[in-house]
Amino acid sequence: MIHPHTEIRFINDAVGYGVVATRAIPKGTITWVLDRLDRFFTRKQIHSMEPLYRDVLCKYTYRNAEGDYILCWDNARFINHSSEPNCITSAYEFEFAVRDIHPGEELTDDYGYLNIEDPFEASGTSAGGRKTVYPDDFVRLHFDWDAQLLGAFSYFDRVDQPLLVLLGDGLREKVKRISSGKEKMDSILHCYTGRHALTHRAKRILKKRHDNVVYPF
């Protein structure tokens, strides 16, 4: 479920519509949570569908750590890509605002952490950002994404959290422990579909680690 202080607006001809903040959304706010209305599809289910349905799912789904395709039931499916996103997904099936989002500003994700299957040229990428998004961007960029998530967690108890009710009791307590420094944060690499098939070279890259982050290997 997307944050309630958002709405759909036309952005430009390159990206079409997007999700825009109607009020200020401070850093550390949960901006999206996977909920019980979101739909899961396996690869087999998608390939058994008519092309019309497949095209819709290829456009609007992301893949989770298990490789299933997730279709958000609400406006969350309209969030566009940016190489400098203001929202980042966590290992706990929710996203944080990693900086203050102002009224009228578009909410964005980096599609590099959505387990895309093929590289694509990004439209509307912010100046100075990378222009091509790759399926293995997790390997190169997880350290920076984790750093931004750690910063967002530190603001968790300081801001209003309208989506907090969607987190189970156990997860709410875990998030509070992480935000207070009493527990380490699970790395965004836990979301990576390809984490079990990383090459030896890729794992050498992953030697750069945060002390207060738990990695999947």
Protein backbone atom coordinates (compact mmCIF):
# COMPACT_ATOMS: atom_id res chain seq x y z
CA MET A 1 0.00 0.00 0.00
CA ILE A 2 1.32 3.41 -0.98
CA HIS A 3 1.56 6.31 1.47
CA PRO A 4 -1.84 8.05 1.82
CA HIS A 5 -0.40 11.52 1.15
CA THR A 6 0.24 10.77 -2.52
CA GLU A 7 -1.65 10.88 -5.79
CA ILE A 8 -1.20 10.06 -9.48
CA ARG A 9 -0.17 12.92 -11.80
CA PHE A 10 1.10 13.18 -15.35
CA ILE A 11 4.88 13.72 -15.18
CA ASN A 12 6.02 14.09 -18.79
CA ASP A 13 5.87 12.38 -22.18
CA ALA A 14 8.95 10.25 -21.41
CA VAL A 15 7.67 8.48 -18.29
CA GLY A 16 3.92 9.17 -18.40
CA TYR A 17 2.21 9.15 -15.02
CA GLY A 18 3.86 8.94 -11.62
CA VAL A 19 3.21 9.11 -7.88
CA VAL A 20 3.49 12.57 -6.34
CA ALA A 21 3.45 13.71 -2.69
CA THR A 22 0.45 15.86 -1.72
CA ARG A 23 2.07 16.77 1.62
CA ALA A 24 5.58 16.73 3.01
CA ILE A 25 6.85 13.18 3.63
CA PRO A 26 9.87 13.34 5.96
CA LYS A 27 12.97 11.18 5.76
CA GLY A 28 12.43 7.91 7.66
CA THR A 29 8.74 7.63 6.71
CA ILE A 30 7.51 4.28 5.43
CA THR A 31 6.23 5.11 1.96
CA TRP A 32 5.02 1.68 0.84
CA VAL A 33 4.24 -1.69 2.42
CA LEU A 34 3.53 -5.01 0.73
CA ASP A 35 -0.01 -5.83 1.84
CA ARG A 36 -2.58 -8.59 1.55
CA LEU A 37 -4.22 -7.12 -1.56
CA ASP A 38 -1.04 -7.25 -3.65
CA ARG A 39 -0.96 -10.22 -6.02
CA PHE A 40 1.80 -12.79 -6.51
CA PHE A 41 2.44 -14.55 -9.82
CA THR A 42 4.93 -17.28 -10.67
CA ARG A 43 6.85 -17.26 -13.96
CA LYS A 44 4.80 -20.27 -15.09
CA GLN A 45 1.52 -18.47 -14.41
CA ILE A 46 2.59 -15.41 -16.37
CA HIS A 47 3.80 -17.41 -19.37
CA SER A 48 0.50 -19.31 -19.47
CA MET A 49 -1.47 -16.07 -19.92
CA GLU A 50 -2.56 -14.35 -23.10
CA PRO A 51 -0.11 -11.74 -24.45
CA LEU A 52 -2.32 -8.86 -23.33
CA TYR A 53 -2.07 -9.95 -19.69
CA ARG A 54 1.63 -10.75 -19.99
CA ASP A 55 2.36 -7.27 -21.29
CA VAL A 56 0.55 -5.65 -18.35
CA LEU A 57 2.40 -7.78 -15.82
CA CYS A 58 5.78 -7.20 -17.46
CA LYS A 59 5.19 -3.45 -17.22
CA TYR A 60 3.77 -3.18 -13.70
CA THR A 61 5.27 -6.00 -11.63
CA TYR A 62 8.54 -6.32 -9.75
CA ARG A 63 10.21 -9.53 -8.61
CA ASN A 64 10.77 -10.45 -4.98
CA ALA A 65 13.70 -12.38 -3.52
CA GLU A 66 12.11 -15.71 -4.47
CA GLY A 67 11.64 -14.65 -8.09
CA ASP A 68 7.86 -14.27 -7.90
CA TYR A 69 6.24 -11.35 -9.69
CA ILE A 70 4.34 -8.89 -7.49
CA LEU A 71 1.55 -6.68 -8.84
CA CYS A 72 0.66 -3.82 -6.51
CA TRP A 73 -3.09 -3.30 -6.42
CA ASP A 74 -2.93 0.47 -5.84
CA ASN A 75 -1.00 3.46 -7.23
CA ALA A 76 2.33 2.02 -6.10
CA ARG A 77 2.67 0.37 -9.51
CA PHE A 78 3.07 3.83 -11.06
CA ILE A 79 6.27 4.73 -9.18
CA ASN A 80 8.94 5.64 -11.73
CA HIS A 81 12.67 4.98 -11.84
CA SER A 82 15.41 7.37 -10.79
CA SER A 83 19.11 6.74 -10.35
CA GLU A 84 18.87 9.03 -7.30
CA PRO A 85 15.62 7.76 -5.73
CA ASN A 86 13.97 9.32 -2.71
CA CYS A 87 12.51 5.94 -1.68
CA ILE A 88 14.43 2.67 -1.22
CA THR A 89 13.10 -0.80 -0.53
CA SER A 90 14.21 -2.71 2.55
CA ALA A 91 14.65 -6.38 3.33
CA TYR A 92 11.34 -6.22 5.24
CA GLU A 93 8.91 -5.71 2.33
CA PHE A 94 8.44 -2.01 2.88
CA GLU A 95 10.10 1.13 1.56
CA PHE A 96 11.52 4.17 3.32
CA ALA A 97 11.79 7.79 2.28
CA VAL A 98 15.58 8.19 2.37
CA ARG A 99 15.37 11.96 2.30
CA ASP A 100 12.65 14.57 2.81
CA ILE A 101 10.06 14.51 0.01
CA HIS A 102 8.38 17.86 -0.61
CA PRO A 103 4.75 18.52 -1.63
CA GLY A 104 4.47 18.17 -5.40
CA GLU A 105 7.63 16.06 -5.64
CA GLU A 106 7.52 12.69 -7.38
CA LEU A 107 8.24 9.54 -5.35
CA THR A 108 10.85 7.43 -7.13
CA ASP A 109 12.58 4.06 -6.87
CA ASP A 110 15.76 2.75 -8.42
CA TYR A 111 14.58 -0.14 -10.59
CA GLY A 112 18.00 -1.71 -10.05
CA TYR A 113 16.72 -3.19 -6.78
CA LEU A 114 13.46 -4.52 -8.26
CA ASN A 115 15.09 -7.61 -9.78
CA ILE A 116 14.66 -6.65 -13.42
CA GLU A 117 15.47 -9.39 -15.92
CA ASP A 118 16.94 -7.32 -18.76
CA PRO A 119 18.95 -4.07 -18.92
CA PHE A 120 17.07 -0.96 -19.99
CA GLU A 121 17.84 2.63 -20.88
CA ALA A 122 16.31 4.84 -18.21
CA SER A 123 13.99 7.70 -19.16
CA GLY A 124 13.99 10.82 -17.06
CA THR A 125 17.09 9.79 -15.15
CA SER A 126 18.38 12.67 -13.04
CA ALA A 127 21.42 14.53 -14.33
CA GLY A 128 24.65 12.77 -13.55
CA GLY A 129 22.96 9.46 -12.84
CA ARG A 130 23.59 6.21 -14.68
CA LYS A 131 21.59 5.86 -17.89
CA THR A 132 21.41 2.07 -18.07
CA VAL A 133 19.89 -0.12 -15.36
CA TYR A 134 21.23 -3.69 -15.11
CA PRO A 135 19.88 -6.85 -13.43
CA ASP A 136 23.05 -7.12 -11.29
CA ASP A 137 23.04 -3.53 -10.03
CA PHE A 138 22.50 -5.06 -6.59
CA VAL A 139 26.12 -6.20 -6.60
CA ARG A 140 27.57 -2.78 -7.39
CA LEU A 141 25.16 -0.50 -5.55
CA HIS A 142 23.94 -2.37 -2.45
CA PHE A 143 26.53 -0.70 -0.19
CA ASP A 144 25.21 2.79 -0.98
CA TRP A 145 21.58 1.67 -0.78
CA ASP A 146 22.20 0.09 2.63
CA ALA A 147 23.87 3.29 3.84
CA GLN A 148 20.80 5.32 2.88
CA LEU A 149 18.50 2.81 4.54
CA LEU A 150 20.50 2.98 7.77
CA GLY A 151 20.07 6.74 7.72
CA ALA A 152 16.32 6.40 7.18
CA PHE A 153 15.96 3.87 10.01
CA SER A 154 17.49 6.38 12.42
CA TYR A 155 14.53 8.72 11.79
CA PHE A 156 11.84 6.05 12.13
CA ASP A 157 10.63 7.05 15.62
CA ARG A 158 10.83 10.79 14.91
CA VAL A 159 8.20 10.99 12.16
CA ASP A 160 4.56 10.11 11.62
CA GLN A 161 4.05 6.59 10.27
CA PRO A 162 0.54 6.18 8.79
CA LEU A 163 1.45 2.78 7.28
CA LEU A 164 2.84 1.35 10.51
CA VAL A 165 -0.42 -0.50 11.17
CA LEU A 166 0.34 -2.75 8.17
CA LEU A 167 3.47 -4.14 9.81
CA GLY A 168 2.94 -7.14 12.06
CA ASP A 169 3.71 -6.79 15.76
CA GLY A 170 6.99 -8.69 15.45
CA LEU A 171 8.20 -6.61 12.54
CA ARG A 172 7.24 -3.35 14.24
CA GLU A 173 9.35 -4.28 17.24
CA LYS A 174 12.24 -5.35 15.03
CA VAL A 175 12.17 -2.04 13.16
CA LYS A 176 12.20 -0.15 16.46
CA ARG A 177 15.23 -2.15 17.63
CA ILE A 178 17.07 -1.41 14.39
CA SER A 179 16.22 2.29 14.55
CA SER A 180 17.53 2.51 18.12
CA GLY A 181 20.75 0.65 17.26
CA LYS A 182 19.86 -2.40 19.35
CA GLU A 183 19.77 -4.74 16.33
CA LYS A 184 21.57 -4.86 13.01
CA MET A 185 19.69 -4.16 9.77
CA ASP A 186 19.33 -6.87 7.13
CA SER A 187 21.03 -5.79 3.90
CA ILE A 188 18.99 -4.94 0.82
CA LEU A 189 20.89 -7.87 -0.73
CA HIS A 190 18.35 -10.14 0.98
CA CYS A 191 15.94 -8.89 -1.72
CA TYR A 192 18.21 -9.99 -4.59
CA THR A 193 16.84 -12.89 -6.62
CA GLY A 194 20.34 -13.78 -7.82
CA ARG A 195 22.03 -13.77 -4.41
CA HIS A 196 22.50 -17.56 -4.37
CA ALA A 197 24.14 -17.66 -7.81
CA LEU A 198 26.74 -14.94 -7.37
CA THR A 199 30.09 -15.64 -8.99
CA HIS A 200 33.34 -15.69 -7.04
CA ARG A 201 34.28 -12.33 -8.63
CA ALA A 202 30.99 -10.78 -7.51
CA LYS A 203 31.47 -12.00 -3.96
CA ARG A 204 34.89 -10.32 -3.89
CA ILE A 205 33.14 -7.04 -4.66
CA LEU A 206 30.82 -7.68 -1.73
CA LYS A 207 33.70 -7.65 0.78
CA LYS A 208 32.92 -3.95 1.37
CA ARG A 209 30.43 -4.16 4.23
CA HIS A 210 28.76 -2.09 6.91
CA ASP A 211 29.45 -3.24 10.48
CA ASN A 212 25.81 -2.82 11.53
CA VAL A 213 24.31 -4.71 8.59
CA VAL A 214 23.54 -8.43 8.25
CA TYR A 215 24.32 -9.95 4.85
CA PRO A 216 22.79 -13.09 3.26
CA PHE A 217 26.26 -14.72 2.88
